[in-house]
Amino acid sequence: GGAAASSTVVAAAYTVPVALYVAVLRLLHRGAVKPDAQDAVWAVGTLA
């Protein structure tokens, strides 16, 4: 339709859903356990 989007917006359209998937995946698999080293790894991965 002729609308312009910057490369950052296009990249965010890919990376934001992946980051949400990674975060939700950890929450679903974590359950009700104490925080551990994996929580930090998953958080860093999501932010990366």
ModelCIF file with pLDDT and N, C-alpha, C, O atoms, coordinates in Angstrom:
data_MODEL
#
_entry.id   MODEL 
#
_entity.id                         1 
_entity.type                       polymer 
_entity.pdbx_number_of_molecules   1 
#
_entity_poly.entity_id                      1 
_entity_poly.type                           'polypeptide(L)' 
_entity_poly.nstd_linkage                   no 
_entity_poly.nstd_monomer                   no 
_entity_poly.pdbx_seq_one_letter_code       GGAAASSTVVAAAYTVPVALYVAVLRLLHRGAVKPDAQDAVWAVGTLA 
_entity_poly.pdbx_seq_one_letter_code_can   GGAAASSTVVAAAYTVPVALYVAVLRLLHRGAVKPDAQDAVWAVGTLA 
_entity_poly.pdbx_strand_id                 A 
#
loop_
_entity_poly_seq.entity_id 
_entity_poly_seq.num 
_entity_poly_seq.mon_id 
_entity_poly_seq.hetero 
1 1  GLY n 
1 2  GLY n 
1 3  ALA n 
1 4  ALA n 
1 5  ALA n 
1 6  SER n 
1 7  SER n 
1 8  THR n 
1 9  VAL n 
1 10 VAL n 
1 11 ALA n 
1 12 ALA n 
1 13 ALA n 
1 14 TYR n 
1 15 THR n 
1 16 VAL n 
1 17 PRO n 
1 18 VAL n 
1 19 ALA n 
1 20 LEU n 
1 21 TYR n 
1 22 VAL n 
1 23 ALA n 
1 24 VAL n 
1 25 LEU n 
1 26 ARG n 
1 27 LEU n 
1 28 LEU n 
1 29 HIS n 
1 30 ARG n 
1 31 GLY n 
1 32 ALA n 
1 33 VAL n 
1 34 LYS n 
1 35 PRO n 
1 36 ASP n 
1 37 ALA n 
1 38 GLN n 
1 39 ASP n 
1 40 ALA n 
1 41 VAL n 
1 42 TRP n 
1 43 ALA n 
1 44 VAL n 
1 45 GLY n 
1 46 THR n 
1 47 LEU n 
1 48 ALA n 
#
_struct_asym.id          A 
_struct_asym.entity_id   1 
#
loop_
_ma_qa_metric.id 
_ma_qa_metric.mode 
_ma_qa_metric.name 
_ma_qa_metric.software_group_id 
_ma_qa_metric.type 
1 global pLDDT . pLDDT 
2 local  pLDDT . pLDDT 
#
_ma_qa_metric_global.metric_id      1 
_ma_qa_metric_global.metric_value   86.19 
_ma_qa_metric_global.model_id       1 
_ma_qa_metric_global.ordinal_id     1 
#
loop_
_ma_qa_metric_local.label_asym_id 
_ma_qa_metric_local.label_comp_id 
_ma_qa_metric_local.label_seq_id 
_ma_qa_metric_local.metric_id 
_ma_qa_metric_local.metric_value 
_ma_qa_metric_local.model_id 
_ma_qa_metric_local.ordinal_id 
A GLY 1  2 64.00 1 1  
A GLY 2  2 65.00 1 2  
A ALA 3  2 70.00 1 3  
A ALA 4  2 77.00 1 4  
A ALA 5  2 81.00 1 5  
A SER 6  2 88.00 1 6  
A SER 7  2 89.00 1 7  
A THR 8  2 91.00 1 8  
A VAL 9  2 92.00 1 9  
A VAL 10 2 92.00 1 10 
A ALA 11 2 94.00 1 11 
A ALA 12 2 94.00 1 12 
A ALA 13 2 94.00 1 13 
A TYR 14 2 94.00 1 14 
A THR 15 2 95.00 1 15 
A VAL 16 2 96.00 1 16 
A PRO 17 2 96.00 1 17 
A VAL 18 2 96.00 1 18 
A ALA 19 2 96.00 1 19 
A LEU 20 2 96.00 1 20 
A TYR 21 2 94.00 1 21 
A VAL 22 2 93.00 1 22 
A ALA 23 2 92.00 1 23 
A VAL 24 2 92.00 1 24 
A LEU 25 2 89.00 1 25 
A ARG 26 2 88.00 1 26 
A LEU 27 2 87.00 1 27 
A LEU 28 2 86.00 1 28 
A HIS 29 2 79.00 1 29 
A ARG 30 2 77.00 1 30 
A GLY 31 2 68.00 1 31 
A ALA 32 2 63.00 1 32 
A VAL 33 2 65.00 1 33 
A LYS 34 2 70.00 1 34 
A PRO 35 2 70.00 1 35 
A ASP 36 2 78.00 1 36 
A ALA 37 2 79.00 1 37 
A GLN 38 2 83.00 1 38 
A ASP 39 2 86.00 1 39 
A ALA 40 2 89.00 1 40 
A VAL 41 2 91.00 1 41 
A TRP 42 2 91.00 1 42 
A ALA 43 2 92.00 1 43 
A VAL 44 2 94.00 1 44 
A GLY 45 2 94.00 1 45 
A THR 46 2 95.00 1 46 
A LEU 47 2 96.00 1 47 
A ALA 48 2 96.00 1 48 
#
loop_
_atom_site.group_PDB 
_atom_site.id 
_atom_site.type_symbol 
_atom_site.label_atom_id 
_atom_site.label_alt_id 
_atom_site.label_comp_id 
_atom_site.label_asym_id 
_atom_site.label_entity_id 
_atom_site.label_seq_id 
_atom_site.pdbx_PDB_ins_code 
_atom_site.Cartn_x 
_atom_site.Cartn_y 
_atom_site.Cartn_z 
_atom_site.occupancy 
_atom_site.B_iso_or_equiv 
_atom_site.pdbx_formal_charge 
_atom_site.auth_seq_id 
_atom_site.auth_comp_id 
_atom_site.auth_asym_id 
_atom_site.auth_atom_id 
_atom_site.pdbx_PDB_model_num 
ATOM 1   N N  . GLY A 1 1  ? 0.796  -1.217  0.000  1.00 64.00 ? 1  GLY A N  1 
ATOM 2   C CA . GLY A 1 1  ? 0.000  0.000   0.000  1.00 64.00 ? 1  GLY A CA 1 
ATOM 3   C C  . GLY A 1 1  ? 0.829  1.266   0.000  1.00 64.00 ? 1  GLY A C  1 
ATOM 4   O O  . GLY A 1 1  ? 0.274  2.354   0.151  1.00 64.00 ? 1  GLY A O  1 
ATOM 5   N N  . GLY A 1 2  ? 2.107  1.166   -0.160 1.00 65.00 ? 2  GLY A N  1 
ATOM 6   C CA . GLY A 1 2  ? 2.956  2.341   -0.245 1.00 65.00 ? 2  GLY A CA 1 
ATOM 7   C C  . GLY A 1 2  ? 3.382  2.922   1.085  1.00 65.00 ? 2  GLY A C  1 
ATOM 8   O O  . GLY A 1 2  ? 4.066  3.945   1.108  1.00 65.00 ? 2  GLY A O  1 
ATOM 9   N N  . ALA A 1 3  ? 3.001  2.307   2.201  1.00 70.00 ? 3  ALA A N  1 
ATOM 10  C CA . ALA A 1 3  ? 3.418  2.803   3.509  1.00 70.00 ? 3  ALA A CA 1 
ATOM 11  C C  . ALA A 1 3  ? 4.878  2.422   3.738  1.00 70.00 ? 3  ALA A C  1 
ATOM 12  O O  . ALA A 1 3  ? 5.308  1.327   3.373  1.00 70.00 ? 3  ALA A O  1 
ATOM 13  N N  . ALA A 1 4  ? 5.622  3.319   4.334  1.00 77.00 ? 4  ALA A N  1 
ATOM 14  C CA . ALA A 1 4  ? 7.040  3.063   4.582  1.00 77.00 ? 4  ALA A CA 1 
ATOM 15  C C  . ALA A 1 4  ? 7.249  2.650   6.034  1.00 77.00 ? 4  ALA A C  1 
ATOM 16  O O  . ALA A 1 4  ? 6.606  3.171   6.945  1.00 77.00 ? 4  ALA A O  1 
ATOM 17  N N  . ALA A 1 5  ? 8.164  1.701   6.228  1.00 81.00 ? 5  ALA A N  1 
ATOM 18  C CA . ALA A 1 5  ? 8.510  1.254   7.581  1.00 81.00 ? 5  ALA A CA 1 
ATOM 19  C C  . ALA A 1 5  ? 10.026 1.195   7.673  1.00 81.00 ? 5  ALA A C  1 
ATOM 20  O O  . ALA A 1 5  ? 10.696 0.727   6.752  1.00 81.00 ? 5  ALA A O  1 
ATOM 21  N N  . SER A 1 6  ? 10.554 1.666   8.778  1.00 88.00 ? 6  SER A N  1 
ATOM 22  C CA . SER A 1 6  ? 12.005 1.626   8.941  1.00 88.00 ? 6  SER A CA 1 
ATOM 23  C C  . SER A 1 6  ? 12.469 0.189   9.171  1.00 88.00 ? 6  SER A C  1 
ATOM 24  O O  . SER A 1 6  ? 11.674 -0.686  9.514  1.00 88.00 ? 6  SER A O  1 
ATOM 25  N N  . SER A 1 7  ? 13.748 -0.034  8.979  1.00 89.00 ? 7  SER A N  1 
ATOM 26  C CA . SER A 1 7  ? 14.285 -1.381  9.165  1.00 89.00 ? 7  SER A CA 1 
ATOM 27  C C  . SER A 1 7  ? 14.171 -1.828  10.626 1.00 89.00 ? 7  SER A C  1 
ATOM 28  O O  . SER A 1 7  ? 14.046 -3.022  10.898 1.00 89.00 ? 7  SER A O  1 
ATOM 29  N N  . THR A 1 8  ? 14.213 -0.893  11.549 1.00 91.00 ? 8  THR A N  1 
ATOM 30  C CA . THR A 1 8  ? 14.064 -1.241  12.962 1.00 91.00 ? 8  THR A CA 1 
ATOM 31  C C  . THR A 1 8  ? 12.651 -1.735  13.257 1.00 91.00 ? 8  THR A C  1 
ATOM 32  O O  . THR A 1 8  ? 12.471 -2.686  14.017 1.00 91.00 ? 8  THR A O  1 
ATOM 33  N N  . VAL A 1 9  ? 11.657 -1.095  12.662 1.00 92.00 ? 9  VAL A N  1 
ATOM 34  C CA . VAL A 1 9  ? 10.273 -1.521  12.863 1.00 92.00 ? 9  VAL A CA 1 
ATOM 35  C C  . VAL A 1 9  ? 10.053 -2.906  12.262 1.00 92.00 ? 9  VAL A C  1 
ATOM 36  O O  . VAL A 1 9  ? 9.380  -3.750  12.853 1.00 92.00 ? 9  VAL A O  1 
ATOM 37  N N  . VAL A 1 10 ? 10.620 -3.126  11.096 1.00 92.00 ? 10 VAL A N  1 
ATOM 38  C CA . VAL A 1 10 ? 10.496 -4.437  10.456 1.00 92.00 ? 10 VAL A CA 1 
ATOM 39  C C  . VAL A 1 10 ? 11.205 -5.500  11.297 1.00 92.00 ? 10 VAL A C  1 
ATOM 40  O O  . VAL A 1 10 ? 10.685 -6.603  11.462 1.00 92.00 ? 10 VAL A O  1 
ATOM 41  N N  . ALA A 1 11 ? 12.382 -5.181  11.826 1.00 94.00 ? 11 ALA A N  1 
ATOM 42  C CA . ALA A 1 11 ? 13.108 -6.122  12.681 1.00 94.00 ? 11 ALA A CA 1 
ATOM 43  C C  . ALA A 1 11 ? 12.328 -6.407  13.955 1.00 94.00 ? 11 ALA A C  1 
ATOM 44  O O  . ALA A 1 11 ? 12.278 -7.549  14.412 1.00 94.00 ? 11 ALA A O  1 
ATOM 45  N N  . ALA A 1 12 ? 11.719 -5.379  14.528 1.00 94.00 ? 12 ALA A N  1 
ATOM 46  C CA . ALA A 1 12 ? 10.937 -5.558  15.752 1.00 94.00 ? 12 ALA A CA 1 
ATOM 47  C C  . ALA A 1 12 ? 9.718  -6.440  15.500 1.00 94.00 ? 12 ALA A C  1 
ATOM 48  O O  . ALA A 1 12 ? 9.278  -7.160  16.397 1.00 94.00 ? 12 ALA A O  1 
ATOM 49  N N  . ALA A 1 13 ? 9.180  -6.391  14.305 1.00 94.00 ? 13 ALA A N  1 
ATOM 50  C CA . ALA A 1 13 ? 8.050  -7.252  13.968 1.00 94.00 ? 13 ALA A CA 1 
ATOM 51  C C  . ALA A 1 13 ? 8.443  -8.724  14.018 1.00 94.00 ? 13 ALA A C  1 
ATOM 52  O O  . ALA A 1 13 ? 7.583  -9.593  14.156 1.00 94.00 ? 13 ALA A O  1 
ATOM 53  N N  . TYR A 1 14 ? 9.722  -9.003  13.908 1.00 94.00 ? 14 TYR A N  1 
ATOM 54  C CA . TYR A 1 14 ? 10.219 -10.382 14.005 1.00 94.00 ? 14 TYR A CA 1 
ATOM 55  C C  . TYR A 1 14 ? 10.711 -10.707 15.417 1.00 94.00 ? 14 TYR A C  1 
ATOM 56  O O  . TYR A 1 14 ? 10.387 -11.764 15.958 1.00 94.00 ? 14 TYR A O  1 
ATOM 57  N N  . THR A 1 15 ? 11.484 -9.810  16.009 1.00 95.00 ? 15 THR A N  1 
ATOM 58  C CA . THR A 1 15 ? 12.138 -10.134 17.280 1.00 95.00 ? 15 THR A CA 1 
ATOM 59  C C  . THR A 1 15 ? 11.209 -10.039 18.497 1.00 95.00 ? 15 THR A C  1 
ATOM 60  O O  . THR A 1 15 ? 11.365 -10.812 19.443 1.00 95.00 ? 15 THR A O  1 
ATOM 61  N N  . VAL A 1 16 ? 10.271 -9.131  18.491 1.00 96.00 ? 16 VAL A N  1 
ATOM 62  C CA . VAL A 1 16 ? 9.375  -8.992  19.651 1.00 96.00 ? 16 VAL A CA 1 
ATOM 63  C C  . VAL A 1 16 ? 8.532  -10.257 19.850 1.00 96.00 ? 16 VAL A C  1 
ATOM 64  O O  . VAL A 1 16 ? 8.445  -10.737 20.980 1.00 96.00 ? 16 VAL A O  1 
ATOM 65  N N  . PRO A 1 17 ? 7.909  -10.817 18.809 1.00 96.00 ? 17 PRO A N  1 
ATOM 66  C CA . PRO A 1 17 ? 7.183  -12.082 19.033 1.00 96.00 ? 17 PRO A CA 1 
ATOM 67  C C  . PRO A 1 17 ? 8.091  -13.230 19.489 1.00 96.00 ? 17 PRO A C  1 
ATOM 68  O O  . PRO A 1 17 ? 7.676  -14.065 20.292 1.00 96.00 ? 17 PRO A O  1 
ATOM 69  N N  . VAL A 1 18 ? 9.319  -13.274 18.983 1.00 96.00 ? 18 VAL A N  1 
ATOM 70  C CA . VAL A 1 18 ? 10.245 -14.317 19.423 1.00 96.00 ? 18 VAL A CA 1 
ATOM 71  C C  . VAL A 1 18 ? 10.570 -14.126 20.904 1.00 96.00 ? 18 VAL A C  1 
ATOM 72  O O  . VAL A 1 18 ? 10.595 -15.099 21.658 1.00 96.00 ? 18 VAL A O  1 
ATOM 73  N N  . ALA A 1 19 ? 10.818 -12.890 21.330 1.00 96.00 ? 19 ALA A N  1 
ATOM 74  C CA . ALA A 1 19 ? 11.108 -12.617 22.740 1.00 96.00 ? 19 ALA A CA 1 
ATOM 75  C C  . ALA A 1 19 ? 9.913  -12.982 23.621 1.00 96.00 ? 19 ALA A C  1 
ATOM 76  O O  . ALA A 1 19 ? 10.091 -13.550 24.699 1.00 96.00 ? 19 ALA A O  1 
ATOM 77  N N  . LEU A 1 20 ? 8.717  -12.666 23.179 1.00 96.00 ? 20 LEU A N  1 
ATOM 78  C CA . LEU A 1 20 ? 7.522  -13.038 23.944 1.00 96.00 ? 20 LEU A CA 1 
ATOM 79  C C  . LEU A 1 20 ? 7.382  -14.556 24.030 1.00 96.00 ? 20 LEU A C  1 
ATOM 80  O O  . LEU A 1 20 ? 7.020  -15.090 25.078 1.00 96.00 ? 20 LEU A O  1 
ATOM 81  N N  . TYR A 1 21 ? 7.665  -15.243 22.936 1.00 94.00 ? 21 TYR A N  1 
ATOM 82  C CA . TYR A 1 21 ? 7.610  -16.706 22.929 1.00 94.00 ? 21 TYR A CA 1 
ATOM 83  C C  . TYR A 1 21 ? 8.605  -17.289 23.937 1.00 94.00 ? 21 TYR A C  1 
ATOM 84  O O  . TYR A 1 21 ? 8.260  -18.192 24.699 1.00 94.00 ? 21 TYR A O  1 
ATOM 85  N N  . VAL A 1 22 ? 9.822  -16.779 23.940 1.00 93.00 ? 22 VAL A N  1 
ATOM 86  C CA . VAL A 1 22 ? 10.848 -17.269 24.865 1.00 93.00 ? 22 VAL A CA 1 
ATOM 87  C C  . VAL A 1 22 ? 10.426 -17.031 26.312 1.00 93.00 ? 22 VAL A C  1 
ATOM 88  O O  . VAL A 1 22 ? 10.582 -17.912 27.157 1.00 93.00 ? 22 VAL A O  1 
ATOM 89  N N  . ALA A 1 23 ? 9.893  -15.847 26.599 1.00 92.00 ? 23 ALA A N  1 
ATOM 90  C CA . ALA A 1 23 ? 9.481  -15.517 27.966 1.00 92.00 ? 23 ALA A CA 1 
ATOM 91  C C  . ALA A 1 23 ? 8.306  -16.387 28.421 1.00 92.00 ? 23 ALA A C  1 
ATOM 92  O O  . ALA A 1 23 ? 8.306  -16.891 29.544 1.00 92.00 ? 23 ALA A O  1 
ATOM 93  N N  . VAL A 1 24 ? 7.314  -16.560 27.559 1.00 92.00 ? 24 VAL A N  1 
ATOM 94  C CA . VAL A 1 24 ? 6.150  -17.373 27.915 1.00 92.00 ? 24 VAL A CA 1 
ATOM 95  C C  . VAL A 1 24 ? 6.543  -18.844 28.041 1.00 92.00 ? 24 VAL A C  1 
ATOM 96  O O  . VAL A 1 24 ? 6.039  -19.549 28.916 1.00 92.00 ? 24 VAL A O  1 
ATOM 97  N N  . LEU A 1 25 ? 7.434  -19.302 27.178 1.00 89.00 ? 25 LEU A N  1 
ATOM 98  C CA . LEU A 1 25 ? 7.899  -20.683 27.261 1.00 89.00 ? 25 LEU A CA 1 
ATOM 99  C C  . LEU A 1 25 ? 8.526  -20.957 28.624 1.00 89.00 ? 25 LEU A C  1 
ATOM 100 O O  . LEU A 1 25 ? 8.265  -21.995 29.233 1.00 89.00 ? 25 LEU A O  1 
ATOM 101 N N  . ARG A 1 26 ? 9.352  -20.027 29.102 1.00 88.00 ? 26 ARG A N  1 
ATOM 102 C CA . ARG A 1 26 ? 9.980  -20.205 30.419 1.00 88.00 ? 26 ARG A CA 1 
ATOM 103 C C  . ARG A 1 26 ? 8.932  -20.210 31.523 1.00 88.00 ? 26 ARG A C  1 
ATOM 104 O O  . ARG A 1 26 ? 8.992  -21.031 32.438 1.00 88.00 ? 26 ARG A O  1 
ATOM 105 N N  . LEU A 1 27 ? 7.978  -19.300 31.440 1.00 87.00 ? 27 LEU A N  1 
ATOM 106 C CA . LEU A 1 27 ? 6.943  -19.247 32.473 1.00 87.00 ? 27 LEU A CA 1 
ATOM 107 C C  . LEU A 1 27 ? 6.111  -20.522 32.501 1.00 87.00 ? 27 LEU A C  1 
ATOM 108 O O  . LEU A 1 27 ? 5.740  -20.992 33.577 1.00 87.00 ? 27 LEU A O  1 
ATOM 109 N N  . LEU A 1 28 ? 5.817  -21.081 31.349 1.00 86.00 ? 28 LEU A N  1 
ATOM 110 C CA . LEU A 1 28 ? 5.023  -22.303 31.297 1.00 86.00 ? 28 LEU A CA 1 
ATOM 111 C C  . LEU A 1 28 ? 5.793  -23.504 31.831 1.00 86.00 ? 28 LEU A C  1 
ATOM 112 O O  . LEU A 1 28 ? 5.215  -24.366 32.493 1.00 86.00 ? 28 LEU A O  1 
ATOM 113 N N  . HIS A 1 29 ? 7.073  -23.568 31.553 1.00 79.00 ? 29 HIS A N  1 
ATOM 114 C CA . HIS A 1 29 ? 7.879  -24.708 31.991 1.00 79.00 ? 29 HIS A CA 1 
ATOM 115 C C  . HIS A 1 29 ? 8.388  -24.562 33.416 1.00 79.00 ? 29 HIS A C  1 
ATOM 116 O O  . HIS A 1 29 ? 8.772  -25.549 34.043 1.00 79.00 ? 29 HIS A O  1 
ATOM 117 N N  . ARG A 1 30 ? 8.394  -23.358 33.925 1.00 77.00 ? 30 ARG A N  1 
ATOM 118 C CA . ARG A 1 30 ? 8.936  -23.117 35.254 1.00 77.00 ? 30 ARG A CA 1 
ATOM 119 C C  . ARG A 1 30 ? 8.034  -23.674 36.338 1.00 77.00 ? 30 ARG A C  1 
ATOM 120 O O  . ARG A 1 30 ? 8.506  -24.325 37.270 1.00 77.00 ? 30 ARG A O  1 
ATOM 121 N N  . GLY A 1 31 ? 6.752  -23.425 36.221 1.00 68.00 ? 31 GLY A N  1 
ATOM 122 C CA . GLY A 1 31 ? 5.838  -23.886 37.263 1.00 68.00 ? 31 GLY A CA 1 
ATOM 123 C C  . GLY A 1 31 ? 6.016  -23.079 38.536 1.00 68.00 ? 31 GLY A C  1 
ATOM 124 O O  . GLY A 1 31 ? 6.351  -21.896 38.494 1.00 68.00 ? 31 GLY A O  1 
ATOM 125 N N  . ALA A 1 32 ? 5.792  -23.725 39.657 1.00 63.00 ? 32 ALA A N  1 
ATOM 126 C CA . ALA A 1 32 ? 5.847  -23.042 40.950 1.00 63.00 ? 32 ALA A CA 1 
ATOM 127 C C  . ALA A 1 32 ? 7.096  -23.456 41.718 1.00 63.00 ? 32 ALA A C  1 
ATOM 128 O O  . ALA A 1 32 ? 7.014  -23.911 42.859 1.00 63.00 ? 32 ALA A O  1 
ATOM 129 N N  . VAL A 1 33 ? 8.235  -23.296 41.090 1.00 65.00 ? 33 VAL A N  1 
ATOM 130 C CA . VAL A 1 33 ? 9.481  -23.650 41.765 1.00 65.00 ? 33 VAL A CA 1 
ATOM 131 C C  . VAL A 1 33 ? 10.223 -22.378 42.162 1.00 65.00 ? 33 VAL A C  1 
ATOM 132 O O  . VAL A 1 33 ? 9.914  -21.280 41.700 1.00 65.00 ? 33 VAL A O  1 
ATOM 133 N N  . LYS A 1 34 ? 11.208 -22.562 43.032 1.00 70.00 ? 34 LYS A N  1 
ATOM 134 C CA . LYS A 1 34 ? 12.014 -21.426 43.462 1.00 70.00 ? 34 LYS A CA 1 
ATOM 135 C C  . LYS A 1 34 ? 12.818 -20.886 42.274 1.00 70.00 ? 34 LYS A C  1 
ATOM 136 O O  . LYS A 1 34 ? 13.171 -21.641 41.368 1.00 70.00 ? 34 LYS A O  1 
ATOM 137 N N  . PRO A 1 35 ? 13.104 -19.596 42.280 1.00 70.00 ? 35 PRO A N  1 
ATOM 138 C CA . PRO A 1 35 ? 13.972 -19.047 41.238 1.00 70.00 ? 35 PRO A CA 1 
ATOM 139 C C  . PRO A 1 35 ? 15.338 -19.731 41.266 1.00 70.00 ? 35 PRO A C  1 
ATOM 140 O O  . PRO A 1 35 ? 15.883 -20.000 42.337 1.00 70.00 ? 35 PRO A O  1 
ATOM 141 N N  . ASP A 1 36 ? 15.876 -20.003 40.108 1.00 78.00 ? 36 ASP A N  1 
ATOM 142 C CA . ASP A 1 36 ? 17.170 -20.661 40.031 1.00 78.00 ? 36 ASP A CA 1 
ATOM 143 C C  . ASP A 1 36 ? 18.017 -20.007 38.948 1.00 78.00 ? 36 ASP A C  1 
ATOM 144 O O  . ASP A 1 36 ? 17.646 -18.973 38.393 1.00 78.00 ? 36 ASP A O  1 
ATOM 145 N N  . ALA A 1 37 ? 19.144 -20.616 38.658 1.00 79.00 ? 37 ALA A N  1 
ATOM 146 C CA . ALA A 1 37 ? 20.060 -20.048 37.669 1.00 79.00 ? 37 ALA A CA 1 
ATOM 147 C C  . ALA A 1 37 ? 19.439 -20.012 36.285 1.00 79.00 ? 37 ALA A C  1 
ATOM 148 O O  . ALA A 1 37 ? 19.776 -19.144 35.480 1.00 79.00 ? 37 ALA A O  1 
ATOM 149 N N  . GLN A 1 38 ? 18.541 -20.938 35.996 1.00 83.00 ? 38 GLN A N  1 
ATOM 150 C CA . GLN A 1 38 ? 17.899 -20.929 34.684 1.00 83.00 ? 38 GLN A CA 1 
ATOM 151 C C  . GLN A 1 38 ? 17.070 -19.670 34.465 1.00 83.00 ? 38 GLN A C  1 
ATOM 152 O O  . GLN A 1 38 ? 16.974 -19.179 33.340 1.00 83.00 ? 38 GLN A O  1 
ATOM 153 N N  . ASP A 1 39 ? 16.474 -19.146 35.524 1.00 86.00 ? 39 ASP A N  1 
ATOM 154 C CA . ASP A 1 39 ? 15.685 -17.924 35.377 1.00 86.00 ? 39 ASP A CA 1 
ATOM 155 C C  . ASP A 1 39 ? 16.544 -16.787 34.829 1.00 86.00 ? 39 ASP A C  1 
ATOM 156 O O  . ASP A 1 39 ? 16.105 -16.030 33.964 1.00 86.00 ? 39 ASP A O  1 
ATOM 157 N N  . ALA A 1 40 ? 17.756 -16.676 35.331 1.00 89.00 ? 40 ALA A N  1 
ATOM 158 C CA . ALA A 1 40 ? 18.663 -15.631 34.858 1.00 89.00 ? 40 ALA A CA 1 
ATOM 159 C C  . ALA A 1 40 ? 19.054 -15.864 33.408 1.00 89.00 ? 40 ALA A C  1 
ATOM 160 O O  . ALA A 1 40 ? 19.126 -14.918 32.624 1.00 89.00 ? 40 ALA A O  1 
ATOM 161 N N  . VAL A 1 41 ? 19.305 -17.111 33.047 1.00 91.00 ? 41 VAL A N  1 
ATOM 162 C CA . VAL A 1 41 ? 19.678 -17.428 31.666 1.00 91.00 ? 41 VAL A CA 1 
ATOM 163 C C  . VAL A 1 41 ? 18.544 -17.079 30.712 1.00 91.00 ? 41 VAL A C  1 
ATOM 164 O O  . VAL A 1 41 ? 18.776 -16.476 29.665 1.00 91.00 ? 41 VAL A O  1 
ATOM 165 N N  . TRP A 1 42 ? 17.329 -17.451 31.066 1.00 91.00 ? 42 TRP A N  1 
ATOM 166 C CA . TRP A 1 42 ? 16.183 -17.157 30.210 1.00 91.00 ? 42 TRP A CA 1 
ATOM 167 C C  . TRP A 1 42 ? 15.933 -15.647 30.118 1.00 91.00 ? 42 TRP A C  1 
ATOM 168 O O  . TRP A 1 42 ? 15.593 -15.142 29.048 1.00 91.00 ? 42 TRP A O  1 
ATOM 169 N N  . ALA A 1 43 ? 16.099 -14.930 31.228 1.00 92.00 ? 43 ALA A N  1 
ATOM 170 C CA . ALA A 1 43 ? 15.899 -13.476 31.202 1.00 92.00 ? 43 ALA A CA 1 
ATOM 171 C C  . ALA A 1 43 ? 16.921 -12.797 30.300 1.00 92.00 ? 43 ALA A C  1 
ATOM 172 O O  . ALA A 1 43 ? 16.575 -11.914 29.516 1.00 92.00 ? 43 ALA A O  1 
ATOM 173 N N  . VAL A 1 44 ? 18.176 -13.210 30.413 1.00 94.00 ? 44 VAL A N  1 
ATOM 174 C CA . VAL A 1 44 ? 19.223 -12.639 29.558 1.00 94.00 ? 44 VAL A CA 1 
ATOM 175 C C  . VAL A 1 44 ? 18.947 -12.986 28.102 1.00 94.00 ? 44 VAL A C  1 
ATOM 176 O O  . VAL A 1 44 ? 19.130 -12.145 27.222 1.00 94.00 ? 44 VAL A O  1 
ATOM 177 N N  . GLY A 1 45 ? 18.511 -14.210 27.837 1.00 94.00 ? 45 GLY A N  1 
ATOM 178 C CA . GLY A 1 45 ? 18.183 -14.607 26.472 1.00 94.00 ? 45 GLY A CA 1 
ATOM 179 C C  . GLY A 1 45 ? 17.052 -13.780 25.883 1.00 94.00 ? 45 GLY A C  1 
ATOM 180 O O  . GLY A 1 45 ? 17.111 -13.370 24.723 1.00 94.00 ? 45 GLY A O  1 
ATOM 181 N N  . THR A 1 46 ? 16.024 -13.537 26.685 1.00 95.00 ? 46 THR A N  1 
ATOM 182 C CA . THR A 1 46 ? 14.893 -12.721 26.223 1.00 95.00 ? 46 THR A CA 1 
ATOM 183 C C  . THR A 1 46 ? 15.339 -11.298 25.913 1.00 95.00 ? 46 THR A C  1 
ATOM 184 O O  . THR A 1 46 ? 14.961 -10.736 24.885 1.00 95.00 ? 46 THR A O  1 
ATOM 185 N N  . LEU A 1 47 ? 16.134 -10.721 26.790 1.00 96.00 ? 47 LEU A N  1 
ATOM 186 C CA . LEU A 1 47 ? 16.626 -9.361  26.553 1.00 96.00 ? 47 LEU A CA 1 
ATOM 187 C C  . LEU A 1 47 ? 17.582 -9.311  25.360 1.00 96.00 ? 47 LEU A C  1 
ATOM 188 O O  . LEU A 1 47 ? 17.602 -8.328  24.618 1.00 96.00 ? 47 LEU A O  1 
ATOM 189 N N  . ALA A 1 48 ? 18.364 -10.359 25.178 1.00 96.00 ? 48 ALA A N  1 
ATOM 190 C CA . ALA A 1 48 ? 19.277 -10.403 24.034 1.00 96.00 ? 48 ALA A CA 1 
ATOM 191 C C  . ALA A 1 48 ? 18.499 -10.460 22.725 1.00 96.00 ? 48 ALA A C  1 
ATOM 192 O O  . ALA A 1 48 ? 19.098 -10.502 21.651 1.00 96.00 ? 48 ALA A O  1 
#
